Amino acid sequence: MNRTILTTLLATLLIGICLHPLPAADTGPQRDIYLEAAFLNGLDPDIVRAVAEIESSHRPYAISHAGARGLMQIMPATGAWFCDLRGQALFVPRNNVHCGTAYLRYLLDKFNGSLPLALAGYYTGPGTVKRNGYRIPKRAYAYIRKFRAAYYRLKQRTPEQELEETLSLREEARRYTPLLRLSGGGFLI
């Protein structure tokens, strides 16, 4: 096959993927990544999924108007500072989810376990929350409402889905228990 034709086909495929991303409900490919990152950071996996849903609709190549990238919409400066991720590394789903989840854990610890303040810090930046007297900035209200709607919708699963999740979580817990003991991690919510 001619190299020009191959390049054109590849470019067309990539453009098609960017223009027609996966629907928000399809978290299948990232499901294990969300579970892994949640366990490593002592978070409920549905918190991680809800943040990814409202941030990027589970699209690994999403870029916001502000320049945030990937599933968890990490700003390049935050990725470089907090996770040592630069450039295209922010589009790798595992890197992005682990970075975003670790950053959310950092914010939870910074704001004494307050999930609403941590979410506000994730959305507006922790400095904005601090300058606002450790209260939720008005511009974060809608973000927190969207998070709650996504989180509670994720919690309304069928008994079969819940059983599958529980079995999967038990297996993951056995795998990561030594790491959690080392990191002092616990579970939130």
N, C-alpha and C. Protein backbone atom coordinates (compact mmCIF):
# COMPACT_ATOMS: atom_id res chain seq x y z
N MET A 1 0.85 -1.19 0.00
CA MET A 1 0.00 0.00 0.00
C MET A 1 0.89 1.25 0.00
N ASN A 2 0.51 2.22 -0.73
CA ASN A 2 1.23 3.47 -0.85
C ASN A 2 1.27 4.19 0.51
N ARG A 3 2.42 4.75 0.85
CA ARG A 3 2.60 5.43 2.14
C ARG A 3 1.66 6.62 2.29
N THR A 4 1.40 7.35 1.23
CA THR A 4 0.49 8.50 1.26
C THR A 4 -0.93 8.06 1.58
N ILE A 5 -1.36 6.97 0.96
CA ILE A 5 -2.71 6.45 1.22
C ILE A 5 -2.84 5.99 2.68
N LEU A 6 -1.80 5.30 3.15
CA LEU A 6 -1.81 4.83 4.54
C LEU A 6 -1.86 6.01 5.51
N THR A 7 -1.08 7.04 5.26
CA THR A 7 -1.08 8.24 6.11
C THR A 7 -2.45 8.91 6.09
N THR A 8 -3.06 9.00 4.91
CA THR A 8 -4.38 9.61 4.78
C THR A 8 -5.43 8.81 5.54
N LEU A 9 -5.38 7.48 5.42
CA LEU A 9 -6.33 6.63 6.16
C LEU A 9 -6.17 6.79 7.66
N LEU A 10 -4.94 6.81 8.13
CA LEU A 10 -4.68 6.97 9.56
C LEU A 10 -5.18 8.33 10.05
N ALA A 11 -4.91 9.39 9.31
CA ALA A 11 -5.38 10.72 9.69
C ALA A 11 -6.90 10.78 9.72
N THR A 12 -7.56 10.16 8.75
CA THR A 12 -9.03 10.12 8.71
C THR A 12 -9.58 9.38 9.92
N LEU A 13 -8.95 8.27 10.26
CA LEU A 13 -9.37 7.50 11.43
C LEU A 13 -9.24 8.32 12.71
N LEU A 14 -8.10 8.98 12.88
CA LEU A 14 -7.89 9.79 14.08
C LEU A 14 -8.88 10.94 14.16
N ILE A 15 -9.14 11.60 13.06
CA ILE A 15 -10.12 12.69 13.06
C ILE A 15 -11.50 12.15 13.40
N GLY A 16 -11.85 10.99 12.86
CA GLY A 16 -13.15 10.38 13.18
C GLY A 16 -13.29 10.05 14.65
N ILE A 17 -12.21 9.57 15.26
CA ILE A 17 -12.25 9.25 16.69
C ILE A 17 -12.46 10.53 17.50
N CYS A 18 -11.76 11.59 17.13
CA CYS A 18 -11.88 12.86 17.87
C CYS A 18 -13.26 13.49 17.70
N LEU A 19 -13.84 13.38 16.49
CA LEU A 19 -15.14 14.00 16.24
C LEU A 19 -16.30 13.16 16.75
N HIS A 20 -16.11 11.87 16.89
CA HIS A 20 -17.18 10.97 17.32
C HIS A 20 -16.71 10.14 18.50
N PRO A 21 -16.56 10.77 19.68
CA PRO A 21 -16.04 10.05 20.84
C PRO A 21 -17.07 9.06 21.38
N LEU A 22 -16.60 8.24 22.31
CA LEU A 22 -17.50 7.29 22.96
C LEU A 22 -18.57 8.04 23.73
N PRO A 23 -19.79 7.50 23.81
CA PRO A 23 -20.82 8.15 24.61
C PRO A 23 -20.46 8.10 26.09
N ALA A 24 -21.07 9.01 26.87
CA ALA A 24 -20.74 9.14 28.29
C ALA A 24 -21.00 7.86 29.06
N ALA A 25 -21.99 7.07 28.66
CA ALA A 25 -22.34 5.88 29.42
C ALA A 25 -21.31 4.76 29.27
N ASP A 26 -20.47 4.83 28.25
CA ASP A 26 -19.52 3.75 28.00
C ASP A 26 -18.24 3.97 28.80
N THR A 27 -18.18 3.40 30.00
CA THR A 27 -16.97 3.52 30.81
C THR A 27 -16.20 2.21 30.80
N GLY A 28 -16.64 1.25 29.97
CA GLY A 28 -16.03 -0.08 29.93
C GLY A 28 -14.52 -0.08 29.80
N PRO A 29 -13.95 0.56 28.77
CA PRO A 29 -12.50 0.49 28.60
C PRO A 29 -11.71 1.08 29.77
N GLN A 30 -12.28 2.05 30.46
CA GLN A 30 -11.57 2.69 31.56
C GLN A 30 -11.96 2.14 32.93
N ARG A 31 -12.92 1.24 32.98
CA ARG A 31 -13.46 0.76 34.26
C ARG A 31 -12.37 0.28 35.20
N ASP A 32 -11.46 -0.57 34.70
CA ASP A 32 -10.40 -1.10 35.55
C ASP A 32 -9.43 -0.01 36.00
N ILE A 33 -9.21 0.96 35.14
CA ILE A 33 -8.32 2.07 35.51
C ILE A 33 -8.95 2.88 36.63
N TYR A 34 -10.26 3.15 36.53
CA TYR A 34 -10.94 3.89 37.60
C TYR A 34 -10.86 3.13 38.91
N LEU A 35 -11.11 1.82 38.88
CA LEU A 35 -11.06 1.01 40.10
C LEU A 35 -9.66 1.02 40.71
N GLU A 36 -8.67 0.82 39.89
CA GLU A 36 -7.28 0.77 40.36
C GLU A 36 -6.87 2.10 41.01
N ALA A 37 -7.15 3.19 40.31
CA ALA A 37 -6.77 4.52 40.83
C ALA A 37 -7.52 4.83 42.12
N ALA A 38 -8.79 4.46 42.18
CA ALA A 38 -9.58 4.70 43.40
C ALA A 38 -8.99 3.94 44.58
N PHE A 39 -8.67 2.67 44.37
CA PHE A 39 -8.10 1.88 45.46
C PHE A 39 -6.77 2.41 45.93
N LEU A 40 -5.92 2.77 45.00
CA LEU A 40 -4.60 3.28 45.37
C LEU A 40 -4.69 4.57 46.17
N ASN A 41 -5.77 5.32 45.98
CA ASN A 41 -5.92 6.60 46.67
C ASN A 41 -6.99 6.59 47.74
N GLY A 42 -7.54 5.41 48.04
CA GLY A 42 -8.52 5.30 49.12
C GLY A 42 -9.82 6.03 48.84
N LEU A 43 -10.28 5.98 47.59
CA LEU A 43 -11.52 6.65 47.23
C LEU A 43 -12.55 5.65 46.74
N ASP A 44 -13.80 6.03 46.82
CA ASP A 44 -14.89 5.27 46.23
C ASP A 44 -14.72 5.35 44.71
N PRO A 45 -14.70 4.22 44.00
CA PRO A 45 -14.53 4.26 42.54
C PRO A 45 -15.58 5.11 41.83
N ASP A 46 -16.78 5.19 42.39
CA ASP A 46 -17.82 5.99 41.75
C ASP A 46 -17.52 7.49 41.83
N ILE A 47 -16.74 7.90 42.79
CA ILE A 47 -16.30 9.31 42.83
C ILE A 47 -15.42 9.58 41.62
N VAL A 48 -14.49 8.67 41.36
CA VAL A 48 -13.57 8.83 40.23
C VAL A 48 -14.35 8.80 38.92
N ARG A 49 -15.28 7.85 38.78
CA ARG A 49 -16.08 7.76 37.56
C ARG A 49 -16.93 9.01 37.35
N ALA A 50 -17.53 9.51 38.44
CA ALA A 50 -18.38 10.70 38.32
C ALA A 50 -17.57 11.92 37.89
N VAL A 51 -16.37 12.07 38.45
CA VAL A 51 -15.52 13.20 38.05
C VAL A 51 -15.15 13.07 36.57
N ALA A 52 -14.77 11.87 36.14
CA ALA A 52 -14.42 11.66 34.73
C ALA A 52 -15.62 11.91 33.82
N GLU A 53 -16.81 11.55 34.29
CA GLU A 53 -18.01 11.77 33.49
C GLU A 53 -18.29 13.25 33.30
N ILE A 54 -18.24 14.01 34.39
CA ILE A 54 -18.58 15.44 34.24
C ILE A 54 -17.43 16.23 33.63
N GLU A 55 -16.21 15.74 33.78
CA GLU A 55 -15.07 16.46 33.21
C GLU A 55 -14.93 16.23 31.71
N SER A 56 -15.06 14.96 31.25
CA SER A 56 -14.75 14.66 29.86
C SER A 56 -15.75 13.75 29.17
N SER A 57 -16.82 13.36 29.87
CA SER A 57 -17.76 12.35 29.34
C SER A 57 -17.02 11.07 28.97
N HIS A 58 -15.98 10.75 29.73
CA HIS A 58 -15.16 9.54 29.56
C HIS A 58 -14.42 9.51 28.22
N ARG A 59 -14.08 10.69 27.70
CA ARG A 59 -13.34 10.77 26.43
C ARG A 59 -11.86 11.01 26.73
N PRO A 60 -11.00 10.05 26.41
CA PRO A 60 -9.58 10.17 26.74
C PRO A 60 -8.85 11.32 26.04
N TYR A 61 -9.36 11.78 24.89
CA TYR A 61 -8.67 12.83 24.14
C TYR A 61 -9.38 14.18 24.23
N ALA A 62 -10.23 14.34 25.23
CA ALA A 62 -10.95 15.60 25.40
C ALA A 62 -9.98 16.71 25.80
N ILE A 63 -10.24 17.90 25.25
CA ILE A 63 -9.49 19.11 25.62
C ILE A 63 -10.53 20.19 25.90
N SER A 64 -10.45 20.79 27.07
CA SER A 64 -11.42 21.84 27.42
C SER A 64 -11.02 23.17 26.80
N HIS A 65 -11.94 24.12 26.88
CA HIS A 65 -11.64 25.47 26.36
C HIS A 65 -10.48 26.10 27.13
N ALA A 66 -10.28 25.68 28.41
CA ALA A 66 -9.20 26.22 29.22
C ALA A 66 -7.88 25.49 28.99
N GLY A 67 -7.94 24.35 28.27
CA GLY A 67 -6.72 23.60 27.96
C GLY A 67 -6.52 22.35 28.79
N ALA A 68 -7.48 22.01 29.67
CA ALA A 68 -7.37 20.78 30.45
C ALA A 68 -7.48 19.59 29.51
N ARG A 69 -6.82 18.48 29.89
CA ARG A 69 -6.69 17.36 28.97
C ARG A 69 -7.09 16.02 29.58
N GLY A 70 -7.65 15.16 28.73
CA GLY A 70 -7.88 13.77 29.08
C GLY A 70 -9.14 13.49 29.88
N LEU A 71 -9.24 12.27 30.35
CA LEU A 71 -10.43 11.80 31.07
C LEU A 71 -10.76 12.64 32.29
N MET A 72 -9.75 12.96 33.09
CA MET A 72 -9.97 13.71 34.32
C MET A 72 -9.71 15.21 34.14
N GLN A 73 -9.45 15.63 32.88
CA GLN A 73 -9.25 17.04 32.54
C GLN A 73 -8.19 17.70 33.42
N ILE A 74 -6.98 17.21 33.28
CA ILE A 74 -5.84 17.74 34.02
C ILE A 74 -5.24 18.91 33.24
N MET A 75 -5.05 20.02 33.92
CA MET A 75 -4.37 21.16 33.30
C MET A 75 -2.89 20.80 33.13
N PRO A 76 -2.28 21.21 32.03
CA PRO A 76 -0.86 20.86 31.81
C PRO A 76 0.06 21.27 32.97
N ALA A 77 -0.16 22.45 33.54
CA ALA A 77 0.69 22.88 34.66
C ALA A 77 0.51 21.97 35.88
N THR A 78 -0.74 21.56 36.15
CA THR A 78 -1.00 20.66 37.27
C THR A 78 -0.38 19.30 37.00
N GLY A 79 -0.53 18.79 35.78
CA GLY A 79 0.07 17.50 35.42
C GLY A 79 1.58 17.52 35.57
N ALA A 80 2.22 18.60 35.16
CA ALA A 80 3.67 18.71 35.27
C ALA A 80 4.10 18.82 36.73
N TRP A 81 3.39 19.65 37.50
CA TRP A 81 3.75 19.89 38.90
C TRP A 81 3.45 18.68 39.78
N PHE A 82 2.24 18.16 39.66
CA PHE A 82 1.78 17.15 40.61
C PHE A 82 2.17 15.74 40.22
N CYS A 83 2.20 15.43 38.93
CA CYS A 83 2.39 14.04 38.48
C CYS A 83 3.57 13.87 37.53
N ASP A 84 4.29 14.94 37.26
CA ASP A 84 5.40 14.89 36.32
C ASP A 84 4.98 14.37 34.95
N LEU A 85 3.77 14.76 34.53
CA LEU A 85 3.26 14.39 33.20
C LEU A 85 3.30 15.62 32.30
N ARG A 86 3.87 15.42 31.12
CA ARG A 86 3.96 16.53 30.17
C ARG A 86 3.49 16.08 28.80
N GLY A 87 2.99 17.04 28.03
CA GLY A 87 2.63 16.79 26.64
C GLY A 87 1.58 15.70 26.47
N GLN A 88 1.87 14.78 25.57
CA GLN A 88 0.91 13.74 25.21
C GLN A 88 0.66 12.75 26.34
N ALA A 89 1.51 12.70 27.35
CA ALA A 89 1.33 11.76 28.48
C ALA A 89 0.00 12.01 29.19
N LEU A 90 -0.53 13.23 29.11
CA LEU A 90 -1.82 13.52 29.75
C LEU A 90 -2.99 12.86 29.03
N PHE A 91 -2.77 12.40 27.80
CA PHE A 91 -3.85 11.74 27.06
C PHE A 91 -3.85 10.22 27.25
N VAL A 92 -2.84 9.69 27.92
CA VAL A 92 -2.81 8.25 28.20
C VAL A 92 -3.79 8.02 29.35
N PRO A 93 -4.86 7.24 29.12
CA PRO A 93 -5.90 7.11 30.15
C PRO A 93 -5.38 6.73 31.54
N ARG A 94 -4.50 5.75 31.63
CA ARG A 94 -3.99 5.33 32.95
C ARG A 94 -3.26 6.48 33.64
N ASN A 95 -2.39 7.18 32.92
CA ASN A 95 -1.67 8.32 33.50
C ASN A 95 -2.64 9.38 33.99
N ASN A 96 -3.59 9.73 33.13
CA ASN A 96 -4.51 10.81 33.43
C ASN A 96 -5.39 10.49 34.63
N VAL A 97 -5.95 9.29 34.66
CA VAL A 97 -6.84 8.92 35.76
C VAL A 97 -6.07 8.81 37.07
N HIS A 98 -4.89 8.22 37.03
CA HIS A 98 -4.09 8.12 38.26
C HIS A 98 -3.69 9.50 38.76
N CYS A 99 -3.31 10.38 37.85
CA CYS A 99 -2.94 11.74 38.24
C CYS A 99 -4.14 12.49 38.82
N GLY A 100 -5.27 12.45 38.11
CA GLY A 100 -6.47 13.15 38.58
C GLY A 100 -6.97 12.62 39.92
N THR A 101 -6.91 11.32 40.10
CA THR A 101 -7.37 10.71 41.35
C THR A 101 -6.42 11.05 42.49
N ALA A 102 -5.12 10.99 42.24
CA ALA A 102 -4.15 11.36 43.27
C ALA A 102 -4.30 12.84 43.64
N TYR A 103 -4.57 13.67 42.64
CA TYR A 103 -4.77 15.10 42.90
C TYR A 103 -6.04 15.33 43.72
N LEU A 104 -7.10 14.59 43.40
CA LEU A 104 -8.33 14.70 44.18
C LEU A 104 -8.08 14.26 45.62
N ARG A 105 -7.32 13.19 45.82
CA ARG A 105 -6.96 12.73 47.17
C ARG A 105 -6.18 13.82 47.91
N TYR A 106 -5.24 14.44 47.21
CA TYR A 106 -4.45 15.54 47.78
C TYR A 106 -5.38 16.68 48.24
N LEU A 107 -6.34 17.02 47.40
CA LEU A 107 -7.28 18.09 47.75
C LEU A 107 -8.16 17.69 48.93
N LEU A 108 -8.59 16.45 48.97
CA LEU A 108 -9.38 15.98 50.13
C LEU A 108 -8.57 16.12 51.41
N ASP A 109 -7.32 15.73 51.37
CA ASP A 109 -6.47 15.87 52.56
C ASP A 109 -6.26 17.34 52.91
N LYS A 110 -6.06 18.16 51.90
CA LYS A 110 -5.84 19.60 52.11
C LYS A 110 -7.06 20.27 52.74
N PHE A 111 -8.25 19.82 52.34
CA PHE A 111 -9.49 20.42 52.85
C PHE A 111 -10.18 19.54 53.89
N ASN A 112 -9.36 18.84 54.68
CA ASN A 112 -9.84 18.06 55.83
C ASN A 112 -10.96 17.08 55.50
N GLY A 113 -10.87 16.44 54.35
CA GLY A 113 -11.83 15.41 53.99
C GLY A 113 -13.15 15.92 53.42
N SER A 114 -13.27 17.22 53.21
CA SER A 114 -14.51 17.78 52.66
C SER A 114 -14.56 17.54 51.16
N LEU A 115 -15.43 16.64 50.73
CA LEU A 115 -15.56 16.35 49.30
C LEU A 115 -16.04 17.57 48.52
N PRO A 116 -17.05 18.32 49.00
CA PRO A 116 -17.45 19.52 48.24
C PRO A 116 -16.32 20.53 48.06
N LEU A 117 -15.52 20.76 49.10
CA LEU A 117 -14.39 21.70 48.96
C LEU A 117 -13.32 21.13 48.02
N ALA A 118 -13.07 19.82 48.12
CA ALA A 118 -12.09 19.19 47.23
C ALA A 118 -12.55 19.30 45.77
N LEU A 119 -13.83 19.07 45.52
CA LEU A 119 -14.36 19.20 44.16
C LEU A 119 -14.27 20.65 43.68
N ALA A 120 -14.58 21.58 44.56
CA ALA A 120 -14.47 22.99 44.20
C ALA A 120 -13.02 23.33 43.86
N GLY A 121 -12.07 22.79 44.65
CA GLY A 121 -10.66 23.00 44.38
C GLY A 121 -10.22 22.35 43.07
N TYR A 122 -10.77 21.19 42.77
CA TYR A 122 -10.47 20.50 41.52
C TYR A 122 -10.95 21.33 40.33
N TYR A 123 -12.11 21.94 40.48
CA TYR A 123 -12.73 22.70 39.40
C TYR A 123 -12.13 24.11 39.25
N THR A 124 -11.97 24.81 40.36
CA THR A 124 -11.54 26.21 40.30
C THR A 124 -10.08 26.41 40.68
N GLY A 125 -9.48 25.39 41.26
CA GLY A 125 -8.12 25.51 41.78
C GLY A 125 -8.17 25.71 43.29
N PRO A 126 -7.26 25.09 44.02
CA PRO A 126 -7.30 25.19 45.48
C PRO A 126 -7.08 26.62 45.99
N GLY A 127 -6.34 27.42 45.24
CA GLY A 127 -6.11 28.81 45.65
C GLY A 127 -7.40 29.61 45.68
N THR A 128 -8.30 29.33 44.75
CA THR A 128 -9.59 30.02 44.71
C THR A 128 -10.41 29.68 45.95
N VAL A 129 -10.41 28.41 46.35
CA VAL A 129 -11.14 28.01 47.55
C VAL A 129 -10.54 28.69 48.78
N LYS A 130 -9.22 28.74 48.85
CA LYS A 130 -8.55 29.39 49.98
C LYS A 130 -8.89 30.89 50.02
N ARG A 131 -8.81 31.55 48.86
CA ARG A 131 -9.13 32.99 48.80
C ARG A 131 -10.59 33.26 49.13
N ASN A 132 -11.43 32.26 48.95
CA ASN A 132 -12.86 32.40 49.25
C ASN A 132 -13.16 32.03 50.70
N GLY A 133 -12.15 31.99 51.54
CA GLY A 133 -12.36 31.71 52.96
C GLY A 133 -12.71 30.25 53.23
N TYR A 134 -12.21 29.34 52.42
CA TYR A 134 -12.48 27.91 52.54
C TYR A 134 -13.97 27.62 52.46
N ARG A 135 -14.63 28.39 51.60
CA ARG A 135 -16.04 28.14 51.25
C ARG A 135 -16.10 27.84 49.76
N ILE A 136 -17.15 27.18 49.34
CA ILE A 136 -17.29 26.83 47.93
C ILE A 136 -17.52 28.11 47.12
N PRO A 137 -16.67 28.37 46.14
CA PRO A 137 -16.90 29.54 45.27
C PRO A 137 -18.19 29.37 44.48
N LYS A 138 -18.87 30.47 44.24
CA LYS A 138 -20.16 30.41 43.53
C LYS A 138 -20.04 29.72 42.18
N ARG A 139 -18.93 29.94 41.48
CA ARG A 139 -18.81 29.34 40.16
C ARG A 139 -18.64 27.83 40.21
N ALA A 140 -18.44 27.25 41.39
CA ALA A 140 -18.31 25.79 41.52
C ALA A 140 -19.63 25.12 41.89
N TYR A 141 -20.66 25.89 42.21
CA TYR A 141 -21.94 25.29 42.62
C TYR A 141 -22.51 24.35 41.56
N ALA A 142 -22.57 24.81 40.33
CA ALA A 142 -23.13 23.98 39.25
C ALA A 142 -22.29 22.72 39.04
N TYR A 143 -20.98 22.84 39.15
CA TYR A 143 -20.08 21.70 39.00
C TYR A 143 -20.38 20.64 40.07
N ILE A 144 -20.55 21.08 41.30
CA ILE A 144 -20.83 20.14 42.39
C ILE A 144 -22.20 19.51 42.21
N ARG A 145 -23.17 20.28 41.73
CA ARG A 145 -24.50 19.69 41.45
C ARG A 145 -24.39 18.62 40.36
N LYS A 146 -23.62 18.89 39.31
CA LYS A 146 -23.43 17.90 38.25
C LYS A 146 -22.73 16.65 38.78
N PHE A 147 -21.73 16.87 39.65
CA PHE A 147 -21.03 15.72 40.25
C PHE A 147 -22.01 14.87 41.05
N ARG A 148 -22.80 15.50 41.89
CA ARG A 148 -23.75 14.74 42.72
C ARG A 148 -24.74 13.95 41.88
N ALA A 149 -25.24 14.56 40.82
CA ALA A 149 -26.18 13.86 39.94
C ALA A 149 -25.51 12.64 39.30
N ALA A 150 -24.29 12.81 38.82
CA ALA A 150 -23.57 11.69 38.21
C ALA A 150 -23.25 10.61 39.24
N TYR A 151 -22.82 11.03 40.41
CA TYR A 151 -22.44 10.09 41.47
C TYR A 151 -23.64 9.25 41.91
N TYR A 152 -24.76 9.89 42.17
CA TYR A 152 -25.93 9.14 42.63
C TYR A 152 -26.53 8.28 41.52
N ARG A 153 -26.42 8.71 40.28
CA ARG A 153 -26.87 7.87 39.17
C ARG A 153 -26.00 6.62 39.08
N LEU A 154 -24.68 6.78 39.27
CA LEU A 154 -23.78 5.62 39.25
C LEU A 154 -24.08 4.66 40.40
N LYS A 155 -24.52 5.18 41.51
CA LYS A 155 -24.83 4.34 42.67
C LYS A 155 -26.09 3.52 42.48
N GLN A 156 -26.95 3.90 41.56
CA GLN A 156 -28.21 3.17 41.32
C GLN A 156 -27.99 2.08 40.28
N ARG A 157 -27.33 1.02 40.72
CA ARG A 157 -27.06 -0.11 39.84
C ARG A 157 -27.93 -1.29 40.23
N THR A 158 -28.05 -2.23 39.30
CA THR A 158 -28.83 -3.44 39.57
C THR A 158 -28.07 -4.31 40.56
N PRO A 159 -28.76 -5.23 41.25
CA PRO A 159 -28.07 -6.14 42.19
C PRO A 159 -26.97 -6.95 41.51
N GLU A 160 -27.17 -7.35 40.26
CA GLU A 160 -26.15 -8.11 39.55
C GLU A 160 -24.90 -7.27 39.31
N GLN A 161 -25.12 -6.01 38.94
CA GLN A 161 -23.98 -5.12 38.74
C GLN A 161 -23.25 -4.87 40.05
N GLU A 162 -24.00 -4.71 41.12
CA GLU A 162 -23.41 -4.47 42.43
C GLU A 162 -22.58 -5.67 42.87
N LEU A 163 -23.10 -6.90 42.64
CA LEU A 163 -22.37 -8.12 43.00
C LEU A 163 -21.08 -8.22 42.19
N GLU A 164 -21.16 -7.96 40.89
CA GLU A 164 -19.97 -8.01 40.05
C GLU A 164 -18.94 -6.99 40.54
N GLU A 165 -19.40 -5.81 40.87
CA GLU A 165 -18.50 -4.75 41.37
C GLU A 165 -17.87 -5.17 42.69
N THR A 166 -18.67 -5.73 43.60
CA THR A 166 -18.16 -6.15 44.90
C THR A 166 -17.09 -7.22 44.75
N LEU A 167 -17.34 -8.22 43.89
CA LEU A 167 -16.35 -9.28 43.67
C LEU A 167 -15.07 -8.70 43.06
N SER A 168 -15.24 -7.79 42.12
CA SER A 168 -14.08 -7.16 41.51
C SER A 168 -13.31 -6.32 42.54
N LEU A 169 -14.05 -5.61 43.39
CA LEU A 169 -13.40 -4.79 44.42
C LEU A 169 -12.64 -5.65 45.42
N ARG A 170 -13.21 -6.81 45.78
CA ARG A 170 -12.52 -7.71 46.72
C ARG A 170 -11.20 -8.18 46.13
N GLU A 171 -11.23 -8.55 44.85
CA GLU A 171 -10.01 -9.00 44.18
C GLU A 171 -8.99 -7.87 44.14
N GLU A 172 -9.44 -6.66 43.79
CA GLU A 172 -8.53 -5.51 43.76
C GLU A 172 -8.00 -5.21 45.16
N ALA A 173 -8.84 -5.35 46.17
CA ALA A 173 -8.41 -5.07 47.55
C ALA A 173 -7.29 -6.03 47.95
N ARG A 174 -7.43 -7.30 47.58
CA ARG A 174 -6.37 -8.26 47.89
C ARG A 174 -5.07 -7.88 47.20
N ARG A 175 -5.19 -7.37 45.99
CA ARG A 175 -4.01 -6.98 45.22
C ARG A 175 -3.33 -5.75 45.80
N TYR A 176 -4.14 -4.79 46.30
CA TYR A 176 -3.59 -3.50 46.70
C TYR A 176 -3.49 -3.29 48.20
N THR A 177 -3.94 -4.24 49.01
CA THR A 177 -3.88 -4.06 50.46
C THR A 177 -2.47 -3.73 50.95
N PRO A 178 -1.43 -4.44 50.50
CA PRO A 178 -0.08 -4.07 50.98
C PRO A 178 0.28 -2.63 50.62
N LEU A 179 -0.13 -2.18 49.44
CA LEU A 179 0.17 -0.79 49.04
C LEU A 179 -0.59 0.20 49.90
N LEU A 180 -1.86 -0.11 50.21
CA LEU A 180 -2.65 0.80 51.05
C LEU A 180 -2.05 0.90 52.45
N ARG A 181 -1.57 -0.22 52.98
CA ARG A 181 -0.95 -0.18 54.31
C ARG A 181 0.29 0.70 54.28
N LEU A 182 1.08 0.58 53.21
CA LEU A 182 2.28 1.39 53.10
C LEU A 182 1.97 2.87 52.97
N SER A 183 0.91 3.17 52.20
CA SER A 183 0.60 4.58 51.96
C SER A 183 -0.27 5.19 53.04
N GLY A 184 -0.79 4.34 53.94
CA GLY A 184 -1.70 4.84 54.99
C GLY A 184 -3.06 5.18 54.45
N GLY A 185 -3.37 4.71 53.24
CA GLY A 185 -4.64 5.05 52.60
C GLY A 185 -5.82 4.37 53.27
N GLY A 186 -6.93 5.01 53.23
CA GLY A 186 -8.19 4.45 53.73
C GLY A 186 -9.26 4.68 52.68
N PHE A 187 -10.46 4.31 52.97
CA PHE A 187 -11.53 4.51 52.01
C PHE A 187 -12.37 5.70 52.41
N LEU A 188 -12.78 6.46 51.43
CA LEU A 188 -13.60 7.63 51.64
C LEU A 188 -15.01 7.34 51.14
N ILE A 189 -16.00 7.69 51.89
CA ILE A 189 -17.42 7.52 51.59
C ILE A 189 -17.85 6.08 51.64
